[in-house]
N, C-alpha and C. Protein backbone atom coordinates (compact mmCIF):
# COMPACT_ATOMS: atom_id res chain seq x y z
N MET A 1 -8.59 -168.95 105.55
CA MET A 1 -7.57 -169.89 105.18
C MET A 1 -5.90 -169.28 105.82
N ALA A 2 -5.43 -170.48 105.98
CA ALA A 2 -4.11 -170.90 106.11
C ALA A 2 -2.73 -170.49 105.88
N THR A 3 -1.80 -170.45 106.26
CA THR A 3 -0.20 -170.37 105.62
C THR A 3 0.19 -172.73 105.35
N GLY A 4 0.93 -172.17 104.49
CA GLY A 4 1.79 -173.64 104.49
C GLY A 4 2.63 -173.40 104.11
N THR A 5 3.83 -174.36 104.34
CA THR A 5 5.63 -174.18 104.01
C THR A 5 6.12 -174.63 104.17
N ILE A 6 6.63 -174.78 102.93
CA ILE A 6 7.71 -175.84 102.48
C ILE A 6 9.21 -175.47 102.63
N THR A 7 10.22 -175.83 103.33
CA THR A 7 10.76 -175.86 103.93
C THR A 7 11.66 -176.35 102.61
N LEU A 8 12.66 -175.55 102.18
CA LEU A 8 14.33 -176.10 101.10
C LEU A 8 15.69 -176.14 101.27
N PRO A 9 15.35 -177.19 102.04
CA PRO A 9 17.39 -177.27 102.86
C PRO A 9 18.01 -177.46 101.69
N LEU A 10 19.06 -176.56 102.15
CA LEU A 10 20.60 -176.70 101.16
C LEU A 10 20.81 -177.42 100.52
N SER A 11 20.76 -178.91 101.44
CA SER A 11 21.55 -180.22 101.54
C SER A 11 20.86 -180.86 100.22
N ALA A 12 19.92 -180.09 100.03
CA ALA A 12 18.48 -180.51 98.95
C ALA A 12 18.65 -179.92 97.10
N ALA A 13 19.60 -178.58 97.41
CA ALA A 13 19.59 -177.76 96.51
C ALA A 13 20.00 -178.45 95.32
N THR A 14 19.85 -178.40 93.72
CA THR A 14 20.82 -178.21 92.28
C THR A 14 21.26 -176.84 92.19
N LEU A 15 22.25 -177.58 92.03
CA LEU A 15 23.76 -176.73 91.81
C LEU A 15 23.42 -176.54 89.50
N PRO A 16 23.09 -175.01 89.52
CA PRO A 16 23.85 -175.58 87.85
C PRO A 16 25.07 -176.24 87.65
N ASP A 17 25.53 -176.17 86.72
CA ASP A 17 26.47 -176.75 85.77
C ASP A 17 27.73 -175.77 85.85
N GLY A 18 27.73 -174.73 86.06
CA GLY A 18 28.90 -173.87 86.15
C GLY A 18 29.70 -173.29 84.54
N SER A 19 28.29 -173.26 83.85
CA SER A 19 28.19 -172.81 82.18
C SER A 19 28.23 -170.72 81.89
N SER A 20 28.62 -170.62 81.58
CA SER A 20 28.25 -169.22 80.64
C SER A 20 26.66 -168.71 80.99
N SER A 21 26.69 -167.96 82.41
CA SER A 21 24.96 -167.87 82.54
C SER A 21 24.86 -168.66 83.78
N ASN A 22 25.39 -169.65 84.00
CA ASN A 22 25.70 -171.04 84.67
C ASN A 22 25.99 -171.01 85.94
N ALA A 23 25.91 -169.24 87.07
CA ALA A 23 27.15 -170.31 87.86
C ALA A 23 26.73 -170.54 88.71
N ALA A 24 27.28 -171.00 90.09
CA ALA A 24 26.84 -171.66 91.37
C ALA A 24 26.87 -170.59 92.50
N PRO A 25 26.54 -170.71 93.53
CA PRO A 25 26.85 -170.28 94.94
C PRO A 25 28.57 -171.13 94.97
N ALA A 26 29.29 -171.27 96.21
CA ALA A 26 29.83 -172.43 97.02
C ALA A 26 28.98 -172.77 98.17
N LEU A 27 28.40 -174.15 98.55
CA LEU A 27 27.77 -174.76 99.18
C LEU A 27 29.12 -175.61 100.22
N GLN A 28 28.44 -174.41 101.96
CA GLN A 28 29.93 -174.61 102.79
C GLN A 28 29.36 -175.26 103.90
N ARG A 29 30.16 -176.06 104.50
CA ARG A 29 29.87 -176.46 105.82
C ARG A 29 30.59 -175.93 106.65
N VAL A 30 29.66 -175.23 108.21
CA VAL A 30 30.27 -173.77 108.41
C VAL A 30 29.89 -174.22 109.82
N LYS A 31 31.59 -174.55 110.44
CA LYS A 31 31.32 -174.58 112.52
C LYS A 31 30.99 -173.72 112.79
N SER A 32 30.76 -173.65 113.60
CA SER A 32 30.08 -172.71 114.62
C SER A 32 31.74 -172.67 115.75
N SER A 33 32.29 -170.71 116.01
CA SER A 33 33.68 -170.54 116.88
C SER A 33 32.44 -171.05 118.04
N ALA A 34 31.75 -171.58 118.34
CA ALA A 34 31.21 -171.69 119.65
C ALA A 34 32.02 -173.23 120.40
N ALA A 35 31.94 -173.38 121.89
CA ALA A 35 32.95 -174.49 122.19
C ALA A 35 32.48 -175.57 122.05
N ALA A 36 32.64 -177.37 122.06
CA ALA A 36 32.49 -177.89 122.04
C ALA A 36 31.24 -178.22 122.49
N PRO A 37 30.19 -178.83 122.07
CA PRO A 37 30.18 -179.13 121.38
C PRO A 37 29.02 -178.07 120.04
N SER A 38 30.01 -178.03 118.96
CA SER A 38 30.19 -176.25 118.18
C SER A 38 28.90 -176.79 116.79
N PRO A 39 28.32 -175.79 116.43
CA PRO A 39 26.72 -176.32 116.17
C PRO A 39 27.36 -176.19 114.33
N TYR A 40 26.76 -176.71 113.54
CA TYR A 40 27.50 -177.34 111.95
C TYR A 40 25.90 -176.96 111.41
N PHE A 41 26.29 -176.60 110.01
CA PHE A 41 25.05 -175.81 109.27
C PHE A 41 25.90 -176.02 108.29
N LEU A 42 24.80 -175.91 107.12
CA LEU A 42 25.26 -175.65 105.57
C LEU A 42 25.01 -173.95 105.12
N GLN A 43 25.50 -173.64 104.03
CA GLN A 43 25.18 -171.65 103.90
C GLN A 43 25.44 -172.18 102.76
N ALA A 44 24.78 -171.04 101.12
CA ALA A 44 25.44 -171.26 100.54
C ALA A 44 25.53 -169.60 100.16
N ALA A 45 27.10 -169.74 99.57
CA ALA A 45 28.40 -168.35 99.67
C ALA A 45 28.28 -167.56 98.01
N PHE A 46 27.10 -166.56 98.17
CA PHE A 46 26.66 -165.39 96.71
C PHE A 46 27.46 -164.38 97.03
N ASP A 47 27.91 -164.93 95.40
CA ASP A 47 28.96 -163.63 95.49
C ASP A 47 28.78 -162.61 94.95
N ALA A 48 29.35 -161.46 95.20
CA ALA A 48 29.15 -160.00 95.06
C ALA A 48 29.30 -159.13 93.82
N THR A 49 30.21 -160.44 92.70
CA THR A 49 30.25 -159.64 91.06
C THR A 49 29.90 -160.41 90.81
N THR A 50 29.48 -161.97 90.80
CA THR A 50 28.68 -162.86 89.83
C THR A 50 27.63 -163.63 90.02
N LYS A 51 26.79 -162.95 89.50
CA LYS A 51 24.87 -163.68 89.20
C LYS A 51 25.39 -165.47 89.43
N GLU A 52 24.96 -165.53 91.29
CA GLU A 52 24.70 -167.39 91.05
C GLU A 52 23.09 -167.45 91.61
N GLN A 53 23.65 -168.99 91.46
CA GLN A 53 21.82 -169.10 91.45
C GLN A 53 21.83 -170.42 91.84
N ILE A 54 20.96 -171.45 92.35
CA ILE A 54 20.95 -172.34 93.56
C ILE A 54 19.25 -172.82 92.88
N MET A 55 19.32 -174.50 92.91
CA MET A 55 17.74 -174.32 92.12
C MET A 55 17.32 -175.62 93.44
N TRP A 56 15.42 -175.56 93.60
CA TRP A 56 15.25 -177.01 94.16
C TRP A 56 13.71 -177.23 93.67
N SER A 57 13.76 -178.84 93.33
CA SER A 57 12.49 -178.81 92.95
C SER A 57 11.79 -180.02 93.44
N PHE A 58 10.63 -180.04 93.80
CA PHE A 58 9.39 -180.64 94.49
C PHE A 58 7.99 -180.74 93.95
N ARG A 59 7.12 -181.30 94.40
CA ARG A 59 5.61 -181.52 94.08
C ARG A 59 5.05 -180.61 95.18
N MET A 60 4.06 -179.85 94.15
CA MET A 60 3.28 -178.35 95.27
C MET A 60 2.36 -179.28 95.89
N PRO A 61 2.32 -179.09 97.77
CA PRO A 61 1.66 -179.81 97.56
C PRO A 61 0.10 -179.51 97.63
N VAL A 62 -0.64 -180.55 97.81
CA VAL A 62 -2.21 -180.77 96.86
C VAL A 62 -3.05 -179.94 98.27
N ASP A 63 -2.85 -179.34 99.25
CA ASP A 63 -3.33 -177.79 100.22
C ASP A 63 -2.88 -176.08 99.37
N TYR A 64 -2.14 -175.97 97.72
CA TYR A 64 -1.84 -174.77 97.55
C TYR A 64 -3.06 -174.48 96.94
N ALA A 65 -3.07 -173.09 97.62
CA ALA A 65 -4.48 -172.18 96.97
C ALA A 65 -3.58 -171.17 96.04
N SER A 66 -2.93 -170.30 96.74
CA SER A 66 -2.22 -169.25 96.17
C SER A 66 -0.95 -168.70 96.80
N GLY A 67 -0.54 -168.05 96.26
CA GLY A 67 0.30 -166.12 97.12
C GLY A 67 1.72 -167.02 96.97
N PRO A 68 2.12 -167.75 96.36
CA PRO A 68 3.22 -168.45 96.60
C PRO A 68 4.82 -166.81 97.16
N VAL A 69 5.25 -167.00 98.21
CA VAL A 69 6.41 -165.92 98.83
C VAL A 69 7.48 -167.20 99.00
N LEU A 70 8.45 -166.92 98.44
CA LEU A 70 10.72 -166.73 98.67
C LEU A 70 10.97 -166.52 100.33
N LYS A 71 11.18 -167.27 101.12
CA LYS A 71 11.31 -166.34 102.28
C LYS A 71 12.89 -166.47 102.53
N VAL A 72 14.40 -166.44 102.74
CA VAL A 72 15.36 -166.36 102.78
C VAL A 72 15.66 -165.59 103.76
N GLN A 73 16.71 -166.59 104.82
CA GLN A 73 17.75 -166.47 105.41
C GLN A 73 19.04 -166.23 105.58
N TYR A 74 19.51 -165.30 105.40
CA TYR A 74 20.54 -165.16 105.73
C TYR A 74 21.84 -163.62 106.03
N LYS A 75 23.47 -163.60 106.31
CA LYS A 75 23.97 -163.26 107.04
C LYS A 75 25.17 -162.61 105.58
N MET A 76 25.72 -161.64 105.98
CA MET A 76 26.75 -161.32 105.45
C MET A 76 28.29 -161.86 106.04
N ALA A 77 28.95 -162.26 104.80
CA ALA A 77 30.84 -162.04 105.21
C ALA A 77 31.29 -161.03 106.04
N SER A 78 30.95 -159.96 105.27
CA SER A 78 31.72 -158.86 105.60
C SER A 78 31.27 -157.10 105.34
N ALA A 79 30.23 -157.63 104.56
CA ALA A 79 29.63 -156.70 104.88
C ALA A 79 28.98 -155.71 105.39
N THR A 80 28.75 -154.38 106.11
CA THR A 80 28.00 -154.08 107.12
C THR A 80 27.31 -152.93 106.70
N THR A 81 27.80 -152.42 105.56
CA THR A 81 26.84 -151.29 104.61
C THR A 81 25.94 -152.07 103.22
N GLY A 82 25.29 -150.96 102.59
CA GLY A 82 25.06 -151.35 101.60
C GLY A 82 23.80 -152.72 101.09
N ASN A 83 23.74 -152.33 100.40
CA ASN A 83 21.93 -153.62 99.81
C ASN A 83 22.43 -154.53 98.67
N VAL A 84 21.39 -156.29 99.35
CA VAL A 84 21.38 -157.07 98.72
C VAL A 84 19.85 -156.76 97.64
N ILE A 85 19.99 -157.82 96.69
CA ILE A 85 18.86 -158.47 95.93
C ILE A 85 19.23 -159.78 95.10
N VAL A 86 17.56 -160.29 95.97
CA VAL A 86 17.22 -161.31 95.19
C VAL A 86 16.63 -161.49 94.24
N GLU A 87 16.39 -162.02 93.28
CA GLU A 87 15.56 -163.10 92.43
C GLU A 87 14.96 -164.11 92.22
N GLY A 88 13.87 -164.51 92.27
CA GLY A 88 13.36 -165.73 91.96
C GLY A 88 11.96 -165.87 90.84
N ARG A 89 12.26 -167.39 90.49
CA ARG A 89 11.83 -167.46 89.31
C ARG A 89 10.94 -169.29 90.50
N ILE A 90 9.97 -169.36 88.79
CA ILE A 90 9.30 -170.40 89.33
C ILE A 90 9.02 -171.54 87.90
N ALA A 91 9.02 -172.56 87.50
CA ALA A 91 8.94 -173.12 86.85
C ALA A 91 8.41 -174.54 87.11
N ALA A 92 7.06 -174.44 87.00
CA ALA A 92 6.11 -175.00 87.68
C ALA A 92 5.11 -175.71 85.44
N VAL A 93 4.97 -177.75 86.32
CA VAL A 93 3.85 -178.54 85.01
C VAL A 93 3.00 -179.61 85.40
N SER A 94 2.43 -179.02 84.97
CA SER A 94 1.14 -179.92 85.92
C SER A 94 0.86 -180.49 84.76
N ASP A 95 0.00 -181.43 85.51
CA ASP A 95 -0.33 -182.90 85.06
C ASP A 95 -1.19 -183.10 83.91
N GLY A 96 -0.63 -183.59 82.16
CA GLY A 96 -1.72 -182.72 81.10
C GLY A 96 -0.71 -181.92 80.64
N ASP A 97 -0.47 -181.17 80.74
CA ASP A 97 0.67 -180.14 80.41
C ASP A 97 0.78 -180.67 78.70
N ALA A 98 0.68 -179.78 77.62
CA ALA A 98 1.14 -180.02 77.12
C ALA A 98 3.25 -178.95 76.91
N THR A 99 3.91 -179.85 77.75
CA THR A 99 5.06 -179.43 77.93
C THR A 99 6.11 -180.64 77.92
N ASP A 100 6.80 -180.40 77.46
CA ASP A 100 8.34 -180.71 77.03
C ASP A 100 8.74 -180.61 78.71
N VAL A 101 8.68 -181.23 79.97
CA VAL A 101 9.45 -181.35 81.48
C VAL A 101 10.81 -180.88 80.80
N ASP A 102 11.93 -181.76 79.94
CA ASP A 102 13.31 -181.61 79.60
C ASP A 102 13.80 -179.64 78.55
N ALA A 103 12.44 -179.40 78.50
CA ALA A 103 12.81 -178.39 77.92
C ALA A 103 11.88 -177.11 78.27
N LYS A 104 11.79 -176.85 79.18
CA LYS A 104 10.78 -176.09 80.60
C LYS A 104 11.42 -175.20 80.40
N ALA A 105 10.69 -173.84 80.38
CA ALA A 105 12.09 -172.28 80.95
C ALA A 105 11.13 -172.08 82.34
N PHE A 106 11.87 -170.95 82.91
CA PHE A 106 11.15 -170.39 84.43
C PHE A 106 10.71 -169.35 83.38
N GLY A 107 9.29 -169.08 84.76
CA GLY A 107 8.69 -167.51 84.16
C GLY A 107 9.04 -166.79 84.56
N SER A 108 8.08 -165.60 84.15
CA SER A 108 9.25 -164.12 84.55
C SER A 108 10.18 -164.23 85.64
N ALA A 109 11.42 -162.82 85.86
CA ALA A 109 11.40 -163.31 86.73
C ALA A 109 11.33 -161.80 87.97
N ASN A 110 10.97 -162.34 89.78
CA ASN A 110 11.14 -161.53 90.92
C ASN A 110 11.87 -160.85 91.46
N SER A 111 11.96 -159.82 91.30
CA SER A 111 13.19 -159.50 91.69
C SER A 111 12.74 -159.17 93.56
N SER A 112 13.51 -158.91 94.91
CA SER A 112 13.25 -158.25 95.56
C SER A 112 13.70 -156.20 95.81
N SER A 113 13.26 -155.80 96.63
CA SER A 113 13.68 -154.68 96.49
C SER A 113 15.06 -154.62 96.73
N ALA A 114 15.84 -154.07 97.02
CA ALA A 114 17.56 -153.50 97.81
C ALA A 114 16.83 -153.69 98.95
N ILE A 115 17.65 -154.57 99.52
CA ILE A 115 17.86 -154.79 101.31
C ILE A 115 18.75 -154.33 102.22
N THR A 116 18.94 -153.08 102.81
CA THR A 116 19.52 -153.09 103.72
C THR A 116 19.98 -154.25 104.74
N VAL A 117 21.46 -154.51 104.21
CA VAL A 117 22.30 -155.24 105.54
C VAL A 117 22.75 -155.00 106.24
N PRO A 118 22.66 -156.19 107.43
CA PRO A 118 22.60 -156.10 108.88
C PRO A 118 23.74 -155.07 109.25
N ALA A 119 23.97 -154.28 110.35
CA ALA A 119 24.69 -153.18 110.03
C ALA A 119 26.46 -154.00 110.87
N THR A 120 26.09 -155.53 111.04
CA THR A 120 27.67 -156.06 111.48
C THR A 120 27.30 -157.91 110.70
N ALA A 121 28.94 -158.18 110.57
CA ALA A 121 28.52 -159.28 109.61
C ALA A 121 28.36 -160.08 110.43
N GLY A 122 27.91 -161.21 109.28
CA GLY A 122 27.61 -162.36 110.24
C GLY A 122 25.77 -162.13 111.03
N TYR A 123 25.36 -161.22 110.83
CA TYR A 123 24.09 -161.63 112.25
C TYR A 123 22.63 -161.49 110.93
N LEU A 124 22.03 -162.36 111.60
CA LEU A 124 20.93 -162.52 110.24
C LEU A 124 19.70 -161.98 110.00
N ASP A 125 19.19 -162.33 108.31
CA ASP A 125 18.54 -160.83 108.52
C ASP A 125 17.43 -161.61 107.28
N GLU A 126 16.27 -161.72 107.54
CA GLU A 126 15.54 -162.15 105.85
C GLU A 126 14.90 -161.57 105.30
N ILE A 127 14.81 -161.91 104.10
CA ILE A 127 14.08 -161.40 102.41
C ILE A 127 13.13 -161.39 102.54
N THR A 128 12.11 -161.44 102.48
CA THR A 128 10.61 -161.74 102.06
C THR A 128 10.47 -161.21 100.62
N LEU A 129 10.14 -162.71 99.78
CA LEU A 129 10.34 -161.67 98.31
C LEU A 129 8.82 -162.55 97.55
N THR A 130 7.62 -161.72 97.66
CA THR A 130 6.75 -162.43 96.73
C THR A 130 6.82 -162.77 95.45
N LEU A 131 6.10 -164.16 94.58
CA LEU A 131 6.38 -164.80 94.03
C LEU A 131 4.94 -164.29 93.00
N THR A 132 5.19 -162.99 92.96
CA THR A 132 3.78 -162.72 91.39
C THR A 132 3.89 -163.43 90.21
N ASN A 133 5.13 -163.65 89.23
CA ASN A 133 4.67 -164.24 88.39
C ASN A 133 5.48 -165.83 88.70
N ALA A 134 4.10 -166.30 88.85
CA ALA A 134 4.52 -167.38 89.26
C ALA A 134 4.22 -168.94 87.87
N ASP A 135 4.10 -168.61 87.26
CA ASP A 135 4.59 -169.40 86.28
C ASP A 135 2.70 -170.46 86.63
N SER A 136 1.88 -169.64 86.50
CA SER A 136 0.10 -170.77 86.52
C SER A 136 0.05 -172.20 87.62
N LEU A 137 0.86 -171.28 88.62
CA LEU A 137 1.46 -172.55 89.16
C LEU A 137 0.20 -172.67 90.14
N ALA A 138 0.30 -174.25 90.33
CA ALA A 138 -1.29 -174.75 91.27
C ALA A 138 -1.16 -176.38 91.51
N ALA A 139 -1.42 -177.02 92.37
CA ALA A 139 -1.70 -178.12 93.50
C ALA A 139 -0.64 -179.52 92.24
N GLY A 140 -0.05 -179.17 93.53
CA GLY A 140 0.29 -181.00 92.54
C GLY A 140 1.21 -180.76 91.07
N ASP A 141 1.60 -179.37 91.42
CA ASP A 141 2.70 -179.45 89.90
C ASP A 141 3.57 -180.05 90.44
N PHE A 142 4.51 -179.83 89.31
CA PHE A 142 6.06 -179.90 88.92
C PHE A 142 6.86 -178.81 89.05
N VAL A 143 8.05 -178.46 90.59
CA VAL A 143 7.88 -177.78 90.55
C VAL A 143 9.15 -177.38 90.44
N ILE A 144 9.73 -176.38 89.94
CA ILE A 144 11.24 -175.72 89.92
C ILE A 144 11.57 -174.25 90.99
N VAL A 145 11.82 -174.26 92.18
CA VAL A 145 12.21 -173.10 92.40
C VAL A 145 14.06 -172.66 92.30
N TYR A 146 13.99 -171.40 91.42
CA TYR A 146 15.01 -170.65 91.84
C TYR A 146 15.38 -169.74 92.70
N LEU A 147 16.41 -169.63 92.74
CA LEU A 147 17.05 -168.25 93.81
C LEU A 147 18.52 -167.37 93.40
N ALA A 148 18.45 -166.09 92.91
CA ALA A 148 19.68 -165.79 92.55
C ALA A 148 19.85 -165.19 93.55
N ARG A 149 21.09 -164.28 93.39
CA ARG A 149 21.49 -162.97 94.45
C ARG A 149 22.07 -162.24 92.68
N ASP A 150 20.91 -161.15 93.03
CA ASP A 150 21.11 -160.16 91.98
C ASP A 150 22.40 -159.00 92.25
N ALA A 151 24.20 -159.40 91.79
CA ALA A 151 25.08 -158.96 92.02
C ALA A 151 25.57 -158.28 91.72
N VAL A 152 24.37 -157.54 90.06
CA VAL A 152 24.98 -156.61 89.53
C VAL A 152 24.28 -155.47 89.97
N SER A 153 23.11 -155.80 90.49
CA SER A 153 22.65 -154.16 90.67
C SER A 153 22.01 -154.24 92.42
N ASP A 154 23.10 -154.49 92.66
CA ASP A 154 23.23 -154.89 94.61
C ASP A 154 24.43 -153.97 95.08
N THR A 155 24.32 -153.45 96.35
CA THR A 155 25.85 -152.50 96.30
C THR A 155 26.36 -152.66 97.86
N ALA A 156 26.24 -154.20 98.28
CA ALA A 156 26.85 -155.25 99.31
C ALA A 156 27.99 -155.27 98.71
N THR A 157 29.38 -155.52 99.21
CA THR A 157 30.39 -156.05 99.37
C THR A 157 31.05 -157.78 99.69
N GLY A 158 31.52 -158.19 99.52
CA GLY A 158 31.27 -159.76 100.53
C GLY A 158 30.50 -160.66 100.03
N ASP A 159 30.36 -161.89 100.27
CA ASP A 159 29.56 -163.02 100.12
C ASP A 159 28.20 -162.56 100.50
N MET A 160 27.09 -162.61 100.22
CA MET A 160 25.35 -163.01 100.60
C MET A 160 25.92 -164.22 101.27
N GLU A 161 25.46 -164.57 102.45
CA GLU A 161 25.77 -166.54 103.10
C GLU A 161 24.21 -166.52 103.64
N VAL A 162 23.26 -167.75 102.73
CA VAL A 162 22.44 -168.03 102.39
C VAL A 162 22.26 -168.95 103.26
N VAL A 163 21.11 -168.98 104.78
CA VAL A 163 21.59 -170.38 105.70
C VAL A 163 19.71 -171.03 105.58
N ALA A 164 18.95 -170.62 104.77
CA ALA A 164 17.49 -170.99 104.91
C ALA A 164 16.27 -170.09 104.02
N VAL A 165 15.99 -171.59 103.07
CA VAL A 165 15.24 -170.26 102.56
C VAL A 165 13.85 -171.94 102.72
N ALA A 166 12.81 -171.05 102.21
CA ALA A 166 11.46 -171.48 102.21
C ALA A 166 10.48 -170.98 101.23
N VAL A 167 9.18 -171.65 101.28
CA VAL A 167 8.46 -171.34 100.76
C VAL A 167 6.77 -171.06 100.81
N ASP A 168 6.15 -169.87 101.27
CA ASP A 168 4.95 -169.63 102.09
C ASP A 168 3.83 -169.82 100.85
N TYR A 169 2.80 -169.65 101.42
CA TYR A 169 1.31 -170.42 100.40
C TYR A 169 0.35 -170.26 101.05
N THR A 170 -0.46 -169.25 100.78
CA THR A 170 -1.87 -169.27 101.67
C THR A 170 -2.24 -171.22 101.47
N THR A 171 -2.81 -171.61 101.80
CA THR A 171 -3.74 -173.27 101.48
C THR A 171 -4.88 -173.05 101.30
N ILE A 172 -5.90 -174.42 100.86
CA ILE A 172 -7.74 -174.58 100.45
C ILE A 172 -7.69 -174.75 101.76
C-alpha cells in the first residue's frame, strides 16, 4: 500500500464566524526579509491564550483506504521554550447517509502530545497527528477537516504560525 496526500492550502481555508467558541486565527500574508525578489507566503497565526480554529472541506479521494494523519508545519512568532498542542477533527458524510449536511457535527477530537517548540523563533517544525477518531471516513465522502491550537493546555507564549497543512492517508 502507498500513501496519498491532500494538501490543504491556507488560501482555501474556511475561517469560523468569530461567535462564542468560534474564534479564528489571523490569516496573514508574510514577506520574507530576504533581498528582492522576496518570497511571500500565507500563515495562520494561532493565539497563545484563545482557542482558534480553521477548517477545509473537500471530497475524499477514491483511493482512500485508511489512516488519516494531519501534518502541520509551523513556526513560533516569539516562543523559544514551552510546548504547543494541536487538535484535529473530521466531519465526514457519505453519499446516501441519513445525515443533514447542514446539521453535521465533528467527530471526537484528536489531540497531539505536547510538542516542544524550536529553540529559535521562526524555525520550522512539524506536528504529526493521527486522526484516530475519523467519523467513519470513507473514499468519496464529503469531508471537513478542523485544526485548532489547544492554547488552554499548551505552554508556549506568542503566536503559533501555521504555514502548511496536509492530510496523509493509506491508499488502496
